[in-house]
């Protein structure tokens, strides 16, 4: 009788252990799925979804404290050439190295995200002056001076950075992203390896360029262009 009861107790304990293991496995699987939904699989950085959540949270906090939030739109100069000439495997390794250097350079309260391809977004919080922004951006550019060793290869990598600041350059995710992107494009088109704060003149210049490109496209479609020698 006593032995049978002991056997039942052991069976019960074994069942409890199995159930506990299944719960733990399911929990780990859910955590992995949630992590993949919010992080870039190559670099492990926050992806667009988590970036948007972090920025919106920072904007909500800044609205109450009257602090600035800064969005840096970073594009790697000549990355496509490196990727095409040395191969995608080296390109992936380079992206991971860039992610590591960006993360190590900014503060723990800031967010570094991979936006896609060779584009990275950094959200700076608790900012009180343009001088502070420039110091951080200069530090980011400085860590890419000189060669980067990837396996047996050595490559040079520079950054083009566009900067938009809450609240003067936008009060939501979409407007801050759009204006930082415009500033980055201006930086890249004026020599690369530099940074540019957004201003309304940049916005006007880009709108004029888009309008000109549209008119040229329409002129080609309508056979309105003529070549003279």
Protein backbone atom coordinates (compact mmCIF):
# COMPACT_ATOMS: atom_id res chain seq x y z
CA UNK A 1 0.00 0.00 0.00
CA UNK A 2 2.73 2.42 1.04
CA UNK A 3 4.84 1.42 -1.99
CA UNK A 4 1.94 2.04 -4.37
CA UNK A 5 1.39 5.49 -2.89
CA UNK A 6 5.09 6.25 -3.29
CA UNK A 7 4.91 5.21 -6.95
CA UNK A 8 1.93 7.52 -7.51
CA UNK A 9 3.84 10.38 -5.90
CA UNK A 10 6.82 9.78 -8.19
CA UNK A 11 4.56 9.65 -11.25
CA UNK A 12 2.90 12.89 -10.16
CA UNK A 13 6.27 14.59 -9.66
CA UNK A 14 7.44 13.39 -13.07
CA UNK A 15 4.27 14.76 -14.67
CA UNK A 16 4.74 18.11 -12.93
CA UNK A 17 8.36 18.27 -14.13
CA UNK A 18 7.30 17.52 -17.72
CA UNK A 19 4.60 20.17 -17.59
CA UNK A 20 7.10 22.67 -16.16
CA UNK A 21 9.57 21.88 -18.95
CA UNK A 22 6.84 22.31 -21.59
CA UNK A 23 5.82 25.66 -20.09
CA UNK A 24 9.45 26.82 -20.06
CA UNK A 25 9.99 25.71 -23.68
CA UNK A 26 6.80 27.48 -24.76
CA UNK A 27 7.85 30.61 -22.88
CA UNK A 28 11.29 30.61 -24.54
CA UNK A 29 9.69 30.08 -27.96
CA UNK A 30 7.32 33.01 -27.39
CA UNK A 31 10.21 35.22 -26.25
CA UNK A 32 12.17 34.27 -29.38
CA UNK A 33 9.21 35.11 -31.64
CA UNK A 34 8.68 38.43 -29.86
CA UNK A 35 12.39 39.25 -30.14
CA UNK A 36 12.42 38.48 -33.88
CA UNK A 37 9.35 40.66 -34.37
CA UNK A 38 11.12 43.67 -32.86
CA UNK A 39 14.80 43.18 -33.80
CA UNK A 40 16.89 43.00 -36.95
CA UNK A 41 17.99 39.37 -37.44
CA UNK A 42 21.47 40.30 -38.73
CA UNK A 43 22.65 42.92 -36.23
CA UNK A 44 20.31 42.27 -33.30
CA UNK A 45 19.43 45.97 -33.23
CA UNK A 46 15.86 47.23 -32.85
CA UNK A 47 13.98 47.17 -36.16
CA UNK A 48 11.47 49.71 -37.51
CA UNK A 49 8.66 48.53 -35.23
CA UNK A 50 10.66 48.83 -32.02
CA UNK A 51 12.27 52.06 -33.26
CA UNK A 52 8.85 53.63 -33.73
CA UNK A 53 7.76 52.54 -30.23
CA UNK A 54 10.96 53.89 -28.65
CA UNK A 55 10.73 57.21 -30.49
CA UNK A 56 7.07 57.71 -29.63
CA UNK A 57 7.86 56.98 -25.98
CA UNK A 58 10.73 59.50 -26.07
CA UNK A 59 8.49 62.15 -27.68
CA UNK A 60 5.82 61.63 -25.05
CA UNK A 61 8.39 62.08 -22.28
CA UNK A 62 9.97 65.12 -23.97
CA UNK A 63 6.57 66.76 -24.36
CA UNK A 64 6.21 66.72 -20.57
CA UNK A 65 9.79 67.70 -19.71
CA UNK A 66 10.27 70.21 -22.58
CA UNK A 67 13.49 68.46 -23.61
CA UNK A 68 14.69 67.84 -27.14
CA UNK A 69 14.67 64.50 -28.94
CA UNK A 70 17.09 64.09 -31.82
CA UNK A 71 16.80 61.67 -34.74
CA UNK A 72 19.97 60.81 -36.68
CA UNK A 73 19.47 59.24 -40.10
CA UNK A 74 22.76 57.53 -41.01
CA UNK A 75 23.65 56.10 -44.42
CA UNK A 76 26.92 54.25 -45.07
CA UNK A 77 28.92 55.84 -47.91
CA UNK A 78 29.80 53.55 -50.83
CA UNK A 79 28.51 50.46 -49.04
CA UNK A 80 26.97 49.08 -52.25
CA UNK A 81 30.36 49.16 -53.97
CA UNK A 82 31.98 47.29 -51.08
CA UNK A 83 29.15 44.78 -50.95
CA UNK A 84 29.23 44.14 -54.70
CA UNK A 85 33.01 43.89 -55.01
CA UNK A 86 33.87 41.92 -51.85
CA UNK A 87 30.69 39.87 -51.48
CA UNK A 88 27.56 39.84 -49.36
CA UNK A 89 29.13 37.81 -46.57
CA UNK A 90 31.73 40.51 -45.96
CA UNK A 91 29.00 43.12 -46.36
CA UNK A 92 26.97 41.46 -43.60
CA UNK A 93 30.03 41.33 -41.35
CA UNK A 94 30.64 45.02 -42.02
CA UNK A 95 27.05 45.88 -41.09
CA UNK A 96 27.44 44.01 -37.79
CA UNK A 97 30.67 45.88 -37.08
CA UNK A 98 28.99 49.21 -37.85
CA UNK A 99 26.09 48.32 -35.52
CA UNK A 100 28.59 47.45 -32.76
CA UNK A 101 30.53 50.72 -33.11
CA UNK A 102 27.41 52.88 -33.21
CA UNK A 103 25.98 51.19 -30.11
CA UNK A 104 29.23 51.51 -28.17
CA UNK A 105 29.56 55.22 -29.02
CA UNK A 106 26.16 56.52 -27.92
CA UNK A 107 24.74 56.54 -24.40
CA UNK A 108 22.73 53.73 -22.79
CA UNK A 109 19.61 55.90 -22.87
CA UNK A 110 19.82 56.28 -26.67
CA UNK A 111 18.44 53.87 -29.28
CA UNK A 112 20.38 52.54 -32.28
CA UNK A 113 18.20 50.81 -34.88
CA UNK A 114 18.77 49.31 -38.30
CA UNK A 115 16.22 50.86 -40.63
CA UNK A 116 17.06 48.65 -43.59
CA UNK A 117 19.95 47.91 -45.94
CA UNK A 118 22.84 50.19 -44.96
CA UNK A 119 20.66 52.73 -43.16
CA UNK A 120 20.74 53.17 -39.39
CA UNK A 121 18.64 55.39 -37.13
CA UNK A 122 19.75 56.74 -33.76
CA UNK A 123 17.36 58.39 -31.31
CA UNK A 124 19.07 60.70 -28.81
CA UNK A 125 17.11 61.65 -25.69
CA UNK A 126 17.55 64.20 -22.88
CA UNK A 127 19.27 66.65 -25.25
CA UNK A 128 19.56 70.29 -24.19
CA UNK A 129 21.65 71.98 -26.93
CA UNK A 130 22.91 71.75 -30.53
CA UNK A 131 26.44 71.67 -29.10
CA UNK A 132 25.64 68.40 -27.35
CA UNK A 133 24.24 66.96 -30.61
CA UNK A 134 27.36 67.94 -32.55
CA UNK A 135 29.64 66.33 -29.96
CA UNK A 136 27.79 63.01 -30.24
CA UNK A 137 27.68 63.09 -34.06
CA UNK A 138 31.38 63.97 -34.26
CA UNK A 139 32.15 61.02 -31.97
CA UNK A 140 30.12 58.73 -34.26
CA UNK A 141 32.05 59.87 -37.33
CA UNK A 142 35.39 59.66 -35.52
CA UNK A 143 35.04 55.94 -34.72
CA UNK A 144 34.99 55.24 -38.48
CA UNK A 145 38.23 57.03 -39.25
CA UNK A 146 40.90 54.70 -40.60
CA UNK A 147 40.49 51.17 -41.89
CA UNK A 148 38.06 48.54 -40.63
CA UNK A 149 39.43 45.00 -40.61
CA UNK A 150 36.91 42.34 -41.66
CA UNK A 151 38.64 38.97 -41.79
CA UNK A 152 41.59 39.37 -44.15
CA UNK A 153 40.08 42.46 -45.78
CA UNK A 154 40.53 46.10 -44.84
CA UNK A 155 37.88 48.61 -45.87
CA UNK A 156 37.28 52.31 -45.41
CA UNK A 157 33.83 53.33 -44.26
CA UNK A 158 32.39 56.82 -43.78
CA UNK A 159 28.96 58.07 -42.78
CA UNK A 160 26.51 60.59 -44.16
CA UNK A 161 24.20 61.80 -41.39
CA UNK A 162 21.00 63.82 -41.42
CA UNK A 163 19.69 65.36 -38.21
CA UNK A 164 16.15 66.37 -37.25
CA UNK A 165 15.22 67.73 -33.84
CA UNK A 166 11.95 67.59 -31.91
CA UNK A 167 9.96 69.80 -31.69
CA UNK A 168 11.19 72.31 -34.30
CA UNK A 169 11.68 69.83 -37.16
CA UNK A 170 8.67 67.64 -36.49
CA UNK A 171 6.43 66.41 -33.72
CA UNK A 172 5.85 62.81 -34.76
CA UNK A 173 7.69 59.79 -36.13
CA UNK A 174 6.82 60.38 -39.80
CA UNK A 175 7.84 64.05 -39.97
CA UNK A 176 11.08 63.58 -38.01
CA UNK A 177 12.05 60.63 -40.23
CA UNK A 178 11.21 62.51 -43.43
CA UNK A 179 13.21 65.58 -42.45
CA UNK A 180 16.22 63.63 -41.16
CA UNK A 181 16.21 61.65 -44.41
CA UNK A 182 16.15 64.90 -46.41
CA UNK A 183 19.08 66.26 -44.40
CA UNK A 184 21.01 63.01 -44.92
CA UNK A 185 20.39 63.17 -48.68
CA UNK A 186 21.68 66.75 -48.69
CA UNK A 187 24.77 65.65 -46.76
CA UNK A 188 25.49 62.79 -49.18
CA UNK A 189 24.99 64.94 -52.28
CA UNK A 190 27.46 67.53 -50.94
CA UNK A 191 30.48 65.25 -50.60
CA UNK A 192 29.60 62.49 -48.11
CA UNK A 193 31.37 61.86 -44.78
CA UNK A 194 29.59 64.79 -43.16
CA UNK A 195 26.44 65.66 -41.23
CA UNK A 196 23.67 68.12 -41.86
CA UNK A 197 20.96 69.59 -39.64
CA UNK A 198 17.57 69.82 -41.31
CA UNK A 199 16.32 73.24 -42.38
CA UNK A 200 13.41 74.42 -44.52
CA UNK A 201 15.77 75.34 -47.36
CA UNK A 202 16.71 71.65 -47.71
CA UNK A 203 13.05 70.68 -47.89
CA UNK A 204 12.40 73.27 -50.59
CA UNK A 205 15.45 72.16 -52.59
CA UNK A 206 14.35 68.51 -52.54
CA UNK A 207 10.80 69.39 -53.54
CA UNK A 208 12.15 71.38 -56.49
CA UNK A 209 14.35 68.44 -57.51
CA UNK A 210 11.42 66.00 -57.33
CA UNK A 211 9.30 68.38 -59.37
CA UNK A 212 12.06 68.72 -61.99
CA UNK A 213 12.50 64.95 -62.22
CA UNK A 214 8.74 64.54 -62.65
CA UNK A 215 8.65 67.15 -65.42
CA UNK A 216 11.60 65.52 -67.21
CA UNK A 217 9.91 62.12 -67.02
CA UNK A 218 6.70 63.55 -68.46
CA UNK A 219 8.67 65.31 -71.21
CA UNK A 220 10.30 61.99 -72.20
CA UNK A 221 6.92 60.24 -72.21
CA UNK A 222 5.44 62.98 -74.44
CA UNK A 223 8.43 63.14 -76.80
CA UNK A 224 9.02 66.77 -75.85
CA UNK A 225 12.83 66.55 -75.64
CA UNK A 226 14.99 67.26 -78.70
CA UNK A 227 18.74 66.78 -79.05
CA UNK A 228 20.82 69.30 -81.06
CA UNK A 229 24.42 68.84 -82.19
